[in-house]
Amino acid sequence: MGLGRSFRRGGKAPGHGSGRRSGTRLSGTRLSGTEKPWVRRQARGLLPDRNPLRRRTDRVEAYLLAGLIAMAAAGAPLAAQAASRAAYSGALRTEQEQLATRQQVKARLTETAGSTMNGYTLSEEVPTLATWKSATGVPGSGRVLAESGSPKGTVVIVWAAPNGELASPPLTAAQVAGQGDAAALGAVAGVVVAFLTGTGVVRYVMYRRRMAAWEADWLLTAPMWNRQRW
């Protein structure tokens, strides 16, 4: 009777609370055991196995993606090396051609260099009229960069072509090496873009084929399901 009264008054049977706590604890353990990192799930889905639920398209997709990964891993270093060599060789030839056709000459200012105090420039040099002669003796004239406030007749060093026209300085060794490095980075980026594009195409095509196969199977299975009586 005492035990019955305790039930009617809202009491709990012995072990009732502990059973719920134990069940919750086991449920929590069961859920945490099924949680897996996203990368691990994706990698496991690509690996071939004997899962009877896998279709032929699943295995073909796994093989194609594995091939793309292998090609990208092997092709990125090769592409970077080839692109770097080609760019470096081209820049080196350009540097040699520029050094052979451009010389430093003395230019004499024909006016006083103006002031740079205009608030719109951080350079201390301003374009100033000057005259010069190329290494072959061809005279030239135009505007050259000179320090602000330089008086008329000041000599500045400029690069000039054999025809007397001003030219930009030849490429430096650092610029030549930089072009090679930039080409290598561009090649690696191109391989990555090609890999991502190929992966997207493979997955899209296999997805469409998988959906078509599932739809065909359902067309055969649906009539049997509809004839079932529950």
Protein backbone atom coordinates (compact mmCIF):
# COMPACT_ATOMS: atom_id res chain seq x y z
CA MET A 1 0.00 0.00 0.00
CA GLY A 2 2.80 2.37 0.82
CA LEU A 3 4.38 1.70 -2.51
CA GLY A 4 1.08 2.29 -4.29
CA ARG A 5 0.55 5.58 -2.48
CA SER A 6 4.00 6.73 -3.52
CA PHE A 7 3.09 6.08 -7.17
CA ARG A 8 -0.22 7.95 -6.84
CA ARG A 9 1.49 10.91 -5.21
CA GLY A 10 3.80 11.36 -8.17
CA GLY A 11 6.67 9.21 -6.93
CA LYS A 12 9.00 7.40 -9.31
CA ALA A 13 9.71 3.73 -9.31
CA PRO A 14 13.14 2.75 -8.06
CA GLY A 15 15.70 3.08 -10.78
CA HIS A 16 13.37 5.05 -13.02
CA GLY A 17 15.43 8.27 -13.02
CA SER A 18 18.71 6.46 -13.25
CA GLY A 19 17.39 4.44 -16.20
CA ARG A 20 16.53 7.59 -18.12
CA ARG A 21 19.90 9.11 -17.34
CA SER A 22 21.60 5.92 -18.41
CA GLY A 23 19.59 5.80 -21.63
CA THR A 24 20.44 9.40 -22.39
CA ARG A 25 24.08 8.73 -21.75
CA LEU A 26 24.06 5.69 -24.03
CA SER A 27 22.17 7.60 -26.68
CA GLY A 28 24.72 10.42 -26.53
CA THR A 29 27.53 7.93 -26.84
CA ARG A 30 25.83 6.31 -29.80
CA LEU A 31 25.37 9.62 -31.60
CA SER A 32 28.93 10.78 -31.01
CA GLY A 33 30.20 7.48 -32.32
CA THR A 34 28.45 8.02 -35.67
CA GLU A 35 29.73 11.56 -36.12
CA LYS A 36 32.65 11.67 -38.57
CA PRO A 37 34.61 14.55 -40.06
CA TRP A 38 33.41 15.79 -43.43
CA VAL A 39 36.74 15.06 -45.12
CA ARG A 40 36.74 11.49 -43.80
CA ARG A 41 33.23 10.87 -45.08
CA GLN A 42 34.10 12.23 -48.50
CA ALA A 43 37.29 10.19 -48.73
CA ARG A 44 35.48 7.04 -47.63
CA GLY A 45 32.82 7.64 -50.26
CA LEU A 46 35.45 7.78 -53.00
CA LEU A 47 37.30 4.62 -52.00
CA PRO A 48 36.21 1.46 -53.84
CA ASP A 49 34.66 -1.26 -51.70
CA ARG A 50 32.23 -4.18 -51.93
CA ASN A 51 29.21 -2.27 -50.74
CA PRO A 52 26.21 -3.88 -52.51
CA LEU A 53 24.42 -0.51 -52.55
CA ARG A 54 27.08 1.01 -54.76
CA ARG A 55 26.16 1.28 -58.40
CA ARG A 56 28.48 1.08 -61.35
CA THR A 57 28.32 4.86 -61.71
CA ASP A 58 29.56 5.21 -58.12
CA ARG A 59 32.64 3.11 -58.86
CA VAL A 60 33.30 4.89 -62.16
CA GLU A 61 33.05 8.25 -60.39
CA ALA A 62 35.48 7.10 -57.70
CA TYR A 63 38.01 5.92 -60.29
CA LEU A 64 37.72 9.10 -62.35
CA LEU A 65 38.14 11.36 -59.31
CA ALA A 66 41.13 9.33 -58.13
CA GLY A 67 42.64 9.73 -61.59
CA LEU A 68 42.07 13.48 -61.54
CA ILE A 69 43.71 13.76 -58.11
CA ALA A 70 46.74 11.78 -59.30
CA MET A 71 47.02 13.86 -62.48
CA ALA A 72 46.79 17.13 -60.56
CA ALA A 73 49.36 16.02 -57.98
CA ALA A 74 51.80 14.93 -60.66
CA GLY A 75 51.03 17.67 -63.18
CA ALA A 76 51.26 20.71 -60.90
CA PRO A 77 55.04 20.46 -60.27
CA LEU A 78 55.76 19.64 -63.92
CA ALA A 79 53.62 22.51 -65.19
CA ALA A 80 55.18 24.93 -62.72
CA GLN A 81 58.71 23.93 -63.72
CA ALA A 82 58.00 24.13 -67.46
CA ALA A 83 56.24 27.50 -67.19
CA SER A 84 58.96 28.93 -64.97
CA ARG A 85 61.72 27.87 -67.37
CA ALA A 86 59.91 29.25 -70.40
CA ALA A 87 59.14 32.59 -68.75
CA TYR A 88 62.63 32.94 -67.31
CA SER A 89 64.24 32.18 -70.69
CA GLY A 90 62.01 34.69 -72.46
CA ALA A 91 62.69 37.41 -69.88
CA LEU A 92 66.43 36.70 -70.03
CA ARG A 93 66.46 37.12 -73.82
CA THR A 94 64.51 40.37 -73.47
CA GLU A 95 67.00 41.64 -70.91
CA GLN A 96 69.94 40.85 -73.19
CA GLU A 97 68.27 42.53 -76.18
CA GLN A 98 67.51 45.63 -74.13
CA LEU A 99 71.06 45.83 -72.83
CA ALA A 100 72.36 45.58 -76.40
CA THR A 101 70.08 48.29 -77.81
CA ARG A 102 69.81 50.77 -74.94
CA GLN A 103 72.54 52.87 -73.42
CA GLN A 104 72.77 55.38 -70.61
CA VAL A 105 73.49 58.89 -71.86
CA LYS A 106 73.73 62.37 -70.33
CA ALA A 107 70.79 64.73 -70.76
CA ARG A 108 71.12 68.45 -70.06
CA LEU A 109 68.15 70.41 -68.73
CA THR A 110 67.08 73.34 -70.89
CA GLU A 111 64.89 74.83 -68.17
CA THR A 112 64.68 74.91 -64.41
CA ALA A 113 62.81 71.96 -62.93
CA GLY A 114 59.51 72.96 -61.40
CA SER A 115 58.20 72.30 -57.91
CA THR A 116 56.34 69.17 -56.75
CA MET A 117 54.48 70.98 -53.96
CA ASN A 118 51.05 70.37 -55.47
CA GLY A 119 49.69 67.89 -52.94
CA TYR A 120 49.02 65.23 -55.57
CA THR A 121 52.40 63.52 -55.89
CA LEU A 122 54.88 61.88 -53.54
CA SER A 123 57.77 61.96 -56.04
CA GLU A 124 60.59 64.54 -55.75
CA GLU A 125 61.18 64.39 -59.52
CA VAL A 126 59.27 66.31 -62.15
CA PRO A 127 59.24 66.13 -65.98
CA THR A 128 61.60 68.77 -67.34
CA LEU A 129 62.69 69.69 -70.87
CA ALA A 130 66.17 68.47 -71.79
CA THR A 131 68.37 67.57 -74.73
CA TRP A 132 70.76 64.63 -75.22
CA LYS A 133 72.61 62.54 -77.78
CA SER A 134 72.37 58.79 -78.16
CA ALA A 135 75.42 56.53 -78.11
CA THR A 136 75.43 56.69 -81.92
CA GLY A 137 75.40 60.50 -81.92
CA VAL A 138 71.75 61.03 -82.82
CA PRO A 139 70.39 64.11 -81.00
CA GLY A 140 67.15 63.96 -79.07
CA SER A 141 65.00 66.22 -76.94
CA GLY A 142 62.02 65.86 -74.68
CA ARG A 143 61.00 65.74 -71.08
CA VAL A 144 63.04 63.76 -68.54
CA LEU A 145 62.63 63.31 -64.81
CA ALA A 146 64.75 65.70 -62.75
CA GLU A 147 64.81 66.64 -59.10
CA SER A 148 62.51 69.47 -58.17
CA GLY A 149 64.26 72.82 -58.33
CA SER A 150 67.21 71.64 -60.45
CA PRO A 151 68.61 74.66 -62.36
CA LYS A 152 68.92 74.93 -66.11
CA GLY A 153 71.99 73.04 -67.44
CA THR A 154 71.83 70.28 -64.82
CA VAL A 155 72.93 66.89 -66.18
CA VAL A 156 70.76 63.84 -65.57
CA ILE A 157 71.29 60.24 -66.71
CA VAL A 158 68.68 58.70 -69.01
CA TRP A 159 68.34 55.58 -71.16
CA ALA A 160 68.19 56.17 -74.92
CA ALA A 161 67.83 53.98 -78.01
CA PRO A 162 70.25 54.23 -80.96
CA ASN A 163 67.71 56.40 -82.85
CA GLY A 164 67.83 59.03 -80.09
CA GLU A 165 64.48 58.23 -78.49
CA LEU A 166 64.13 57.77 -74.76
CA ALA A 167 63.76 54.19 -73.56
CA SER A 168 62.86 52.50 -70.30
CA PRO A 169 65.66 50.86 -68.29
CA PRO A 170 66.42 47.22 -69.18
CA LEU A 171 65.04 44.43 -67.04
CA THR A 172 67.00 43.68 -63.90
CA ALA A 173 67.99 40.22 -62.67
CA ALA A 174 65.33 40.43 -59.97
CA GLN A 175 62.65 41.25 -62.53
CA VAL A 176 63.74 38.33 -64.72
CA ALA A 177 63.54 35.92 -61.79
CA GLY A 178 60.22 37.41 -60.73
CA GLN A 179 58.68 36.66 -64.12
CA GLY A 180 59.75 33.03 -63.76
CA ASP A 181 58.20 32.79 -60.31
CA ALA A 182 54.98 34.43 -61.47
CA ALA A 183 54.71 31.97 -64.35
CA ALA A 184 55.17 29.03 -61.96
CA LEU A 185 52.39 30.29 -59.68
CA GLY A 186 50.14 30.85 -62.66
CA ALA A 187 50.74 27.30 -63.89
CA VAL A 188 49.87 25.83 -60.49
CA ALA A 189 46.73 27.95 -60.33
CA GLY A 190 45.78 26.74 -63.81
CA VAL A 191 46.19 23.10 -62.76
CA VAL A 192 44.01 23.71 -59.70
CA VAL A 193 41.31 25.36 -61.79
CA ALA A 194 41.43 22.51 -64.32
CA PHE A 195 41.19 19.95 -61.50
CA LEU A 196 38.19 21.66 -59.92
CA THR A 197 36.49 22.01 -63.29
CA GLY A 198 37.10 18.36 -64.14
CA THR A 199 35.84 17.26 -60.73
CA GLY A 200 32.68 19.29 -61.14
CA VAL A 201 32.02 17.89 -64.61
CA VAL A 202 32.59 14.29 -63.49
CA ARG A 203 30.33 14.62 -60.48
CA TYR A 204 27.61 16.36 -62.47
CA VAL A 205 27.62 13.75 -65.24
CA MET A 206 27.67 10.85 -62.80
CA TYR A 207 24.89 12.45 -60.78
CA ARG A 208 22.70 12.74 -63.87
CA ARG A 209 23.35 9.12 -64.81
CA ARG A 210 22.69 8.01 -61.23
CA MET A 211 19.38 9.86 -61.15
CA ALA A 212 18.39 8.35 -64.50
CA ALA A 213 19.19 4.83 -63.24
CA TRP A 214 17.22 5.39 -60.04
CA GLU A 215 14.25 6.67 -62.02
CA ALA A 216 14.36 3.63 -64.30
CA ASP A 217 14.46 1.29 -61.30
CA TRP A 218 11.58 3.12 -59.66
CA LEU A 219 9.45 2.74 -62.77
CA LEU A 220 9.88 -1.02 -62.39
CA THR A 221 9.44 -1.08 -58.61
CA ALA A 222 6.53 1.35 -58.22
CA PRO A 223 3.83 -1.00 -59.65
CA MET A 224 4.85 -3.73 -57.20
CA TRP A 225 4.70 -1.30 -54.27
CA ASN A 226 1.27 -0.07 -55.35
CA ARG A 227 -0.11 -3.64 -55.40
CA GLN A 228 0.89 -4.19 -51.78
CA ARG A 229 -1.98 -4.34 -49.26
CA TRP A 230 -1.16 -3.24 -45.77
